[in-house]
C-alpha atoms as a PDB file:
ATOM      1  CA  MET A   1      30.353 143.415  30.961  1.00  0.00           C
ATOM      2  CA  ILE A   2      29.563 146.455  28.094  1.00  0.00           C
ATOM      3  CA  TYR A   3      27.427 143.287  25.697  1.00  0.00           C
ATOM      4  CA  ILE A   4      25.770 142.848  28.987  1.00  0.00           C
ATOM      5  CA  PHE A   5      25.224 146.403  30.042  1.00  0.00           C
ATOM      6  CA  ARG A   6      24.195 146.823  26.668  1.00  0.00           C
ATOM      7  CA  ILE A   7      21.128 144.508  26.299  1.00  0.00           C
ATOM      8  CA  SER A   8      19.997 146.329  30.131  1.00  0.00           C
ATOM      9  CA  ARG A   9      19.857 149.447  28.631  1.00  0.00           C
ATOM     10  CA  PHE A  10      17.896 148.155  25.500  1.00  0.00           C
ATOM     11  CA  PHE A  11      15.289 146.581  27.780  1.00  0.00           C
ATOM     12  CA  TYR A  12      15.653 149.323  30.452  1.00  0.00           C
ATOM     13  CA  ILE A  13      14.381 151.882  26.990  1.00  0.00           C
ATOM     14  CA  LEU A  14      11.585 149.036  26.392  1.00  0.00           C
ATOM     15  CA  ARG A  15      10.063 150.155  29.679  1.00  0.00           C
ATOM     16  CA  ILE A  16      10.119 146.522  30.679  1.00  0.00           C
ATOM     17  CA  PRO A  17      10.351 145.474  34.117  1.00  0.00           C
ATOM     18  CA  PHE A  18      13.111 143.743  36.469  1.00  0.00           C
ATOM     19  CA  VAL A  19      14.523 141.958  33.629  1.00  0.00           C
ATOM     20  CA  PRO A  20      17.590 145.501  33.634  1.00  0.00           C
ATOM     21  CA  TRP A  21      18.118 144.972  36.379  1.00  0.00           C
ATOM     22  CA  ALA A  22      18.521 141.513  36.711  1.00  0.00           C
ATOM     23  CA  PHE A  23      21.448 142.174  34.083  1.00  0.00           C
ATOM     24  CA  LYS A  24      22.774 144.624  36.249  1.00  0.00           C
ATOM     25  CA  ILE A  25      23.427 142.017  38.642  1.00  0.00           C
ATOM     26  CA  VAL A  26      24.491 139.733  36.945  1.00  0.00           C
ATOM     27  CA  ASN A  27      26.990 142.020  35.897  1.00  0.00           C
ATOM     28  CA  ARG A  28      27.727 142.713  39.265  1.00  0.00           C
ATOM     29  CA  ILE A  29      28.432 139.031  40.387  1.00  0.00           C
ATOM     30  CA  LEU A  30      30.391 137.981  37.339  1.00  0.00           C
ATOM     31  CA  PHE A  31      33.157 141.017  36.660  1.00  0.00           C
ATOM     32  CA  SER A  32      32.357 143.344  40.184  1.00  0.00           C
ATOM     33  CA  VAL A  33      30.590 146.639  38.074  1.00  0.00           C
ATOM     34  CA  SER A  34      28.186 148.704  38.747  1.00  0.00           C
ATOM     35  CA  VAL A  35      26.324 150.059  36.109  1.00  0.00           C
ATOM     36  CA  PRO A  36      23.047 150.688  36.219  1.00  0.00           C
ATOM     37  CA  PRO A  37      20.799 150.427  32.984  1.00  0.00           C
ATOM     38  CA  SER A  38      19.750 154.261  32.708  1.00  0.00           C
ATOM     39  CA  VAL A  39      23.348 155.639  32.727  1.00  0.00           C
ATOM     40  CA  LYS A  40      23.698 156.471  28.891  1.00  0.00           C
ATOM     41  CA  VAL A  41      26.891 155.116  27.669  1.00  0.00           C
ATOM     42  CA  GLY A  42      28.586 156.175  24.044  1.00  0.00           C
ATOM     43  CA  ARG A  43      29.718 154.132  21.507  1.00  0.00           C
ATOM     44  CA  ASN A  44      33.886 152.713  22.036  1.00  0.00           C
ATOM     45  CA  VAL A  45      33.396 153.496  25.878  1.00  0.00           C
ATOM     46  CA  ILE A  46      36.334 151.119  27.359  1.00  0.00           C
ATOM     47  CA  PHE A  47      35.696 149.150  30.959  1.00  0.00           C
ATOM     48  CA  GLY A  48      39.853 148.646  31.803  1.00  0.00           C
ATOM     49  CA  TYR A  49      39.745 144.832  32.819  1.00  0.00           C
ATOM     50  CA  GLN A  50      36.310 144.105  31.994  1.00  0.00           C
ATOM     51  CA  GLY A  51      34.724 146.947  34.394  1.00  0.00           C
ATOM     52  CA  LEU A  52      36.570 145.302  37.416  1.00  0.00           C
ATOM     53  CA  GLY A  53      35.770 147.501  40.629  1.00  0.00           C
ATOM     54  CA  ILE A  54      33.851 149.771  38.217  1.00  0.00           C
ATOM     55  CA  VAL A  55      30.941 152.158  39.773  1.00  0.00           C
ATOM     56  CA  VAL A  56      28.505 154.339  38.031  1.00  0.00           C
ATOM     57  CA  HIS A  57      25.858 156.589  39.161  1.00  0.00           C
ATOM     58  CA  ARG A  58      22.906 156.455  37.429  1.00  0.00           C
ATOM     59  CA  HIS A  59      22.005 159.784  36.493  1.00  0.00           C
ATOM     60  CA  ALA A  60      25.720 159.726  35.078  1.00  0.00           C
ATOM     61  CA  VAL A  61      26.190 160.626  31.439  1.00  0.00           C
ATOM     62  CA  ILE A  62      29.727 159.110  29.307  1.00  0.00           C
ATOM     63  CA  GLY A  63      30.667 160.179  25.630  1.00  0.00           C
ATOM     64  CA  ASN A  64      32.298 158.301  23.009  1.00  0.00           C
ATOM     65  CA  ASN A  65      35.339 157.105  23.063  1.00  0.00           C
ATOM     66  CA  VAL A  66      35.818 157.230  26.605  1.00  0.00           C
ATOM     67  CA  THR A  67      38.731 155.047  27.863  1.00  0.00           C
ATOM     68  CA  ILE A  68      37.709 154.215  31.767  1.00  0.00           C
ATOM     69  CA  SER A  69      40.295 151.975  33.963  1.00  0.00           C
ATOM     70  CA  PRO A  70      39.233 149.660  36.835  1.00  0.00           C
ATOM     71  CA  ASN A  71      37.890 150.818  40.604  1.00  0.00           C
ATOM     72  CA  VAL A  72      36.719 153.853  39.009  1.00  0.00           C
ATOM     73  CA  VAL A  73      34.033 156.046  40.235  1.00  0.00           C
ATOM     74  CA  ILE A  74      32.076 158.225  38.802  1.00  0.00           C
ATOM     75  CA  GLY A  75      29.533 159.162  41.364  1.00  0.00           C
ATOM     76  CA  GLY A  76      26.581 161.791  43.766  1.00  0.00           C
ATOM     77  CA  ARG A  77      28.229 163.690  45.923  1.00  0.00           C
ATOM     78  CA  SER A  78      26.037 164.440  49.258  1.00  0.00           C
ATOM     79  CA  GLY A  79      24.652 167.198  49.122  1.00  0.00           C
ATOM     80  CA  LYS A  80      24.759 167.974  45.497  1.00  0.00           C
ATOM     81  CA  MET A  81      21.389 166.895  42.985  1.00  0.00           C
ATOM     82  CA  GLY A  82      23.513 165.830  40.075  1.00  0.00           C
ATOM     83  CA  ALA A  83      26.202 163.650  38.537  1.00  0.00           C
ATOM     84  CA  PRO A  84      28.917 163.896  36.923  1.00  0.00           C
ATOM     85  CA  ILE A  85      28.872 164.123  32.775  1.00  0.00           C
ATOM     86  CA  ILE A  86      32.308 162.950  30.851  1.00  0.00           C
ATOM     87  CA  GLU A  87      32.592 164.241  27.019  1.00  0.00           C
ATOM     88  CA  ASP A  88      33.737 162.560  24.294  1.00  0.00           C
ATOM     89  CA  ASP A  89      37.826 161.218  24.187  1.00  0.00           C
ATOM     90  CA  VAL A  90      38.118 160.841  28.142  1.00  0.00           C
ATOM     91  CA  LEU A  91      41.271 159.120  30.042  1.00  0.00           C
ATOM     92  CA  ILE A  92      40.199 158.240  33.257  1.00  0.00           C
ATOM     93  CA  GLY A  93      42.819 156.880  35.255  1.00  0.00           C
ATOM     94  CA  ALA A  94      42.520 154.508  38.160  1.00  0.00           C
ATOM     95  CA  GLY A  95      41.017 154.387  41.193  1.00  0.00           C
ATOM     96  CA  ALA A  96      40.075 157.622  40.258  1.00  0.00           C
ATOM     97  CA  SER A  97      36.701 159.299  41.637  1.00  0.00           C
ATOM     98  CA  VAL A  98      34.196 162.002  39.948  1.00  0.00           C
ATOM     99  CA  LEU A  99      31.951 162.959  42.197  1.00  0.00           C
ATOM    100  CA  GLY A 100      28.934 165.739  41.801  1.00  0.00           C
ATOM    101  CA  PRO A 101      27.072 167.652  39.081  1.00  0.00           C
ATOM    102  CA  ILE A 102      30.332 167.985  37.318  1.00  0.00           C
ATOM    103  CA  ARG A 103      30.954 167.664  33.645  1.00  0.00           C
ATOM    104  CA  ILE A 104      34.850 166.344  32.580  1.00  0.00           C
ATOM    105  CA  GLY A 105      35.456 168.751  28.626  1.00  0.00           C
ATOM    106  CA  ARG A 106      36.268 166.591  25.419  1.00  0.00           C
ATOM    107  CA  GLY A 107      39.455 165.264  25.058  1.00  0.00           C
ATOM    108  CA  ALA A 108      40.316 165.759  29.398  1.00  0.00           C
ATOM    109  CA  LYS A 109      42.597 163.514  31.462  1.00  0.00           C
ATOM    110  CA  ILE A 110      42.070 162.486  35.181  1.00  0.00           C
ATOM    111  CA  GLY A 111      45.181 161.322  36.837  1.00  0.00           C
ATOM    112  CA  ALA A 112      44.909 157.835  38.846  1.00  0.00           C
ATOM    113  CA  ASN A 113      43.922 158.318  41.889  1.00  0.00           C
ATOM    114  CA  ALA A 114      42.687 162.033  41.235  1.00  0.00           C
ATOM    115  CA  VAL A 115      39.073 163.055  43.404  1.00  0.00           C
ATOM    116  CA  VAL A 116      37.721 165.031  41.187  1.00  0.00           C
ATOM    117  CA  LEU A 117      34.915 167.681  42.576  1.00  0.00           C
ATOM    118  CA  ALA A 118      35.198 170.670  40.249  1.00  0.00           C
ATOM    119  CA  ASP A 119      34.693 171.082  36.371  1.00  0.00           C
ATOM    120  CA  VAL A 120      37.720 169.882  33.711  1.00  0.00           C
ATOM    121  CA  PRO A 121      38.147 172.476  30.864  1.00  0.00           C
ATOM    122  CA  PRO A 122      38.406 170.281  27.977  1.00  0.00           C
ATOM    123  CA  HIS A 123      41.681 169.641  26.899  1.00  0.00           C
ATOM    124  CA  ALA A 124      42.859 169.283  30.108  1.00  0.00           C
ATOM    125  CA  ILE A 125      44.346 167.454  32.618  1.00  0.00           C
ATOM    126  CA  ALA A 126      43.558 166.460  36.090  1.00  0.00           C
ATOM    127  CA  VAL A 127      45.305 164.957  39.191  1.00  0.00           C
ATOM    128  CA  GLY A 128      45.396 165.199  42.972  1.00  0.00           C
ATOM    129  CA  ILE A 129      43.371 164.958  45.542  1.00  0.00           C
ATOM    130  CA  PRO A 130      41.245 166.828  45.787  1.00  0.00           C
ATOM    131  CA  ALA A 131      42.206 167.359  41.883  1.00  0.00           C
ATOM    132  CA  ARG A 132      43.227 170.249  40.126  1.00  0.00           C
ATOM    133  CA  ILE A 133      44.173 171.364  36.669  1.00  0.00           C
ATOM    134  CA  VAL A 134      48.069 171.096  35.930  1.00  0.00           C
ATOM    135  CA  SER A 135      48.208 171.242  32.064  1.00  0.00           C
ATOM    136  CA  SER A 136      45.386 173.378  29.484  1.00  0.00           C
ATOM    137  CA  ALA A 137      45.001 173.317  26.050  1.00  0.00           C
ATOM    138  CA  ALA A 138      43.329 176.649  26.645  1.00  0.00           C
END
């Protein structure tokens, strides 16, 4: 899954028409994941279970060493322009939703099925619907 995305991103950066989006469709069919080629994904990113059910906004930014569990949504929010920025060393639990123009700080952890609608500080743990900070290193 990640290799198909990387090839798609390569063609997207070269501004070759149609080919990046064809690879996105291949990813969607084979792995049930929607990661557009315009998404900036860092090194050592792990999409759990080959990205099963993961949906990422086309303007999202994902840092290095991020673990994203299955069925995660990293997307926009109605009435708010922008997409989430996920910093380095973040763990996002299964079924979580990270919505809107927010920032998830370095080393943060998002619990399973949490709905994150506000910024999460570095090294914090966010859980619940809507997500609240239950532990913070600061």
